[in-house]
Structure formats: structure tokens, C-alpha cells
Amino acid sequence: YWITFNEPLTFVNLGYSTGTHAPGRCTDCDRGDSSTEPYTVAHNVLNTHAATYRAYKETEQGANGKMGTTLNSVWGEPLDASDPTSVAAAERFVEFELAWFA
């Protein structure tokens, strides 16, 4: 089993949205743009994972090996489980947190 990226949501958001982790880029930091850079970085992470996966599968070891990405997500619950709007909002939240990389 091989992992190409560990919790990309974390390093994308903390590195390029809030700037609290390396490389420390964000709109309110000395440099960066939180409205675009996280999406650009996430795009590059997905492309890099795909290229690495394809290259691995072409090797003898990769023919039977497994490769993936370790995902993390913040979970959301509806404020009112009987309210369809609240349920939909919670589902959108989880999808936005997890579906970037899933």
C-alpha cells in the first residue's frame, strides 16, 4: 500500500487559505490570495496524484499494488434533522470538505 498525499485538505487550507502552516500564503498574509490559491494547489495535488498513480501502475510492483490518498474531513450535522433545508446544508458542507479530493 502506498499513499501519495496525506490529508491534502489540511495542507491546502492551512498553507494557502489561512496561512497558518507552510508556505504561509493567504490574503491577509504578506503574500498570497486565499480566493484562488487553495483551488490551484488542490488542482495540482489531484494532477500529481493521478500522474504518480499511472506511473506506479506501469511498474511490476504496481501491477498488484494499491495506492491512494489519505483523506480527512470535518463532519457536519444538520441543526434540525427534520428540516430538509438544514439536512441539505449539512450534506453540502460535508461534500465541500471531502469531495475536493474524493
C-alpha atoms as a PDB file:
ATOM      1  CA  TYR A   1       0.000   0.000   0.000  1.00  0.00           C
ATOM      2  CA  TRP A   2       1.278   3.447  -0.975  1.00  0.00           C
ATOM      3  CA  ILE A   3      -0.028   6.920  -0.204  1.00  0.00           C
ATOM      4  CA  THR A   4       0.678   9.853  -2.486  1.00  0.00           C
ATOM      5  CA  PHE A   5      -0.645  12.606  -0.190  1.00  0.00           C
ATOM      6  CA  ASN A   6      -1.560  12.713   3.480  1.00  0.00           C
ATOM      7  CA  GLU A   7      -4.604  14.868   4.265  1.00  0.00           C
ATOM      8  CA  PRO A   8      -4.377  17.288   1.342  1.00  0.00           C
ATOM      9  CA  LEU A   9      -7.344  19.308   2.621  1.00  0.00           C
ATOM     10  CA  THR A  10      -5.266  20.230   5.661  1.00  0.00           C
ATOM     11  CA  PHE A  11      -2.108  21.382   3.916  1.00  0.00           C
ATOM     12  CA  VAL A  12      -4.052  23.130   1.155  1.00  0.00           C
ATOM     13  CA  ASN A  13      -6.265  25.092   3.551  1.00  0.00           C
ATOM     14  CA  LEU A  14      -3.692  25.795   6.242  1.00  0.00           C
ATOM     15  CA  GLY A  15      -0.902  26.577   3.801  1.00  0.00           C
ATOM     16  CA  TYR A  16      -2.805  28.566   1.183  1.00  0.00           C
ATOM     17  CA  SER A  17      -6.080  29.736   2.737  1.00  0.00           C
ATOM     18  CA  THR A  18      -5.347  30.656   6.352  1.00  0.00           C
ATOM     19  CA  GLY A  19      -1.566  30.785   6.007  1.00  0.00           C
ATOM     20  CA  THR A  20      -1.017  29.196   9.426  1.00  0.00           C
ATOM     21  CA  HIS A  21       1.219  26.425   8.022  1.00  0.00           C
ATOM     22  CA  ALA A  22       3.962  26.430   5.403  1.00  0.00           C
ATOM     23  CA  PRO A  23       4.223  28.106   2.999  1.00  0.00           C
ATOM     24  CA  GLY A  24       2.134  30.664   4.889  1.00  0.00           C
ATOM     25  CA  ARG A  25       0.219  32.124   1.974  1.00  0.00           C
ATOM     26  CA  CYS A  26      -3.131  33.879   2.372  1.00  0.00           C
ATOM     27  CA  THR A  27      -4.888  37.098   1.504  1.00  0.00           C
ATOM     28  CA  ASP A  28      -4.140  38.572   4.945  1.00  0.00           C
ATOM     29  CA  CYS A  29      -0.521  37.346   4.935  1.00  0.00           C
ATOM     30  CA  ASP A  30       2.458  39.080   3.368  1.00  0.00           C
ATOM     31  CA  ARG A  31       1.715  37.265   0.117  1.00  0.00           C
ATOM     32  CA  GLY A  32      -0.949  35.034  -1.380  1.00  0.00           C
ATOM     33  CA  ASP A  33      -4.579  35.022  -2.466  1.00  0.00           C
ATOM     34  CA  SER A  34      -6.940  32.880  -0.406  1.00  0.00           C
ATOM     35  CA  SER A  35      -9.678  33.139  -3.029  1.00  0.00           C
ATOM     36  CA  THR A  36      -7.718  31.319  -5.742  1.00  0.00           C
ATOM     37  CA  GLU A  37      -4.561  29.650  -4.460  1.00  0.00           C
ATOM     38  CA  PRO A  38      -6.214  26.815  -2.483  1.00  0.00           C
ATOM     39  CA  TYR A  39      -8.074  25.750  -5.638  1.00  0.00           C
ATOM     40  CA  THR A  40      -4.946  25.951  -7.783  1.00  0.00           C
ATOM     41  CA  VAL A  41      -2.968  23.901  -5.273  1.00  0.00           C
ATOM     42  CA  ALA A  42      -5.779  21.330  -4.943  1.00  0.00           C
ATOM     43  CA  HIS A  43      -5.875  21.017  -8.733  1.00  0.00           C
ATOM     44  CA  ASN A  44      -2.123  20.390  -8.791  1.00  0.00           C
ATOM     45  CA  VAL A  45      -2.389  17.838  -5.962  1.00  0.00           C
ATOM     46  CA  LEU A  46      -5.013  15.879  -7.908  1.00  0.00           C
ATOM     47  CA  ASN A  47      -2.989  16.005 -11.134  1.00  0.00           C
ATOM     48  CA  THR A  48       0.158  14.903  -9.319  1.00  0.00           C
ATOM     49  CA  HIS A  49      -1.663  12.034  -7.624  1.00  0.00           C
ATOM     50  CA  ALA A  50      -3.056  10.886 -10.976  1.00  0.00           C
ATOM     51  CA  ALA A  51       0.349  11.019 -12.687  1.00  0.00           C
ATOM     52  CA  THR A  52       2.013   9.174  -9.812  1.00  0.00           C
ATOM     53  CA  TYR A  53      -0.699   6.513  -9.793  1.00  0.00           C
ATOM     54  CA  ARG A  54      -0.351   5.933 -13.540  1.00  0.00           C
ATOM     55  CA  ALA A  55       3.440   5.679 -13.310  1.00  0.00           C
ATOM     56  CA  TYR A  56       3.194   3.269 -10.359  1.00  0.00           C
ATOM     57  CA  LYS A  57       0.701   1.023 -12.138  1.00  0.00           C
ATOM     58  CA  GLU A  58       3.134   0.645 -15.033  1.00  0.00           C
ATOM     59  CA  THR A  59       5.742  -0.947 -12.735  1.00  0.00           C
ATOM     60  CA  GLU A  60       5.906  -4.630 -11.841  1.00  0.00           C
ATOM     61  CA  GLN A  61       5.151  -3.871  -8.186  1.00  0.00           C
ATOM     62  CA  GLY A  62       2.279  -1.597  -9.137  1.00  0.00           C
ATOM     63  CA  ALA A  63       0.535  -4.281 -11.159  1.00  0.00           C
ATOM     64  CA  ASN A  64      -0.817  -5.771  -7.926  1.00  0.00           C
ATOM     65  CA  GLY A  65      -0.164  -2.907  -5.523  1.00  0.00           C
ATOM     66  CA  LYS A  66      -2.533  -0.384  -4.042  1.00  0.00           C
ATOM     67  CA  MET A  67      -2.149   3.382  -3.994  1.00  0.00           C
ATOM     68  CA  GLY A  68      -4.374   6.152  -2.714  1.00  0.00           C
ATOM     69  CA  THR A  69      -4.605   9.394  -0.795  1.00  0.00           C
ATOM     70  CA  THR A  70      -5.312   9.664   2.916  1.00  0.00           C
ATOM     71  CA  LEU A  71      -8.342  11.917   3.217  1.00  0.00           C
ATOM     72  CA  ASN A  72      -9.627  13.877   6.170  1.00  0.00           C
ATOM     73  CA  SER A  73     -12.750  15.936   6.581  1.00  0.00           C
ATOM     74  CA  VAL A  74     -14.714  17.988   9.038  1.00  0.00           C
ATOM     75  CA  TRP A  75     -18.118  16.406   9.594  1.00  0.00           C
ATOM     76  CA  GLY A  76     -21.352  18.392   9.682  1.00  0.00           C
ATOM     77  CA  GLU A  77     -24.726  17.589  11.182  1.00  0.00           C
ATOM     78  CA  PRO A  78     -27.975  19.398  10.420  1.00  0.00           C
ATOM     79  CA  LEU A  79     -29.129  21.848  13.062  1.00  0.00           C
ATOM     80  CA  ASP A  80     -32.616  20.364  12.679  1.00  0.00           C
ATOM     81  CA  ALA A  81     -32.745  16.817  11.284  1.00  0.00           C
ATOM     82  CA  SER A  82     -36.431  17.246  10.422  1.00  0.00           C
ATOM     83  CA  ASP A  83     -35.768  20.337   8.272  1.00  0.00           C
ATOM     84  CA  PRO A  84     -34.843  19.411   4.681  1.00  0.00           C
ATOM     85  CA  THR A  85     -33.003  22.721   4.238  1.00  0.00           C
ATOM     86  CA  SER A  86     -30.843  22.040   7.279  1.00  0.00           C
ATOM     87  CA  VAL A  87     -30.170  18.476   6.140  1.00  0.00           C
ATOM     88  CA  ALA A  88     -29.181  19.711   2.676  1.00  0.00           C
ATOM     89  CA  ALA A  89     -26.894  22.358   4.182  1.00  0.00           C
ATOM     90  CA  ALA A  90     -25.091  19.740   6.292  1.00  0.00           C
ATOM     91  CA  GLU A  91     -24.686  17.480   3.252  1.00  0.00           C
ATOM     92  CA  ARG A  92     -23.269  20.376   1.186  1.00  0.00           C
ATOM     93  CA  PHE A  93     -20.835  21.181   3.974  1.00  0.00           C
ATOM     94  CA  VAL A  94     -19.505  17.607   4.137  1.00  0.00           C
ATOM     95  CA  GLU A  95     -19.337  17.386   0.352  1.00  0.00           C
ATOM     96  CA  PHE A  96     -17.379  20.632   0.164  1.00  0.00           C
ATOM     97  CA  GLU A  97     -14.969  19.450   2.847  1.00  0.00           C
ATOM     98  CA  LEU A  98     -14.469  15.914   1.496  1.00  0.00           C
ATOM     99  CA  ALA A  99     -15.359  15.951  -2.196  1.00  0.00           C
ATOM    100  CA  TRP A 100     -12.410  18.139  -3.198  1.00  0.00           C
ATOM    101  CA  PHE A 101     -10.230  15.050  -3.164  1.00  0.00           C
ATOM    102  CA  ALA A 102     -12.643  12.094  -3.011  1.00  0.00           C
END
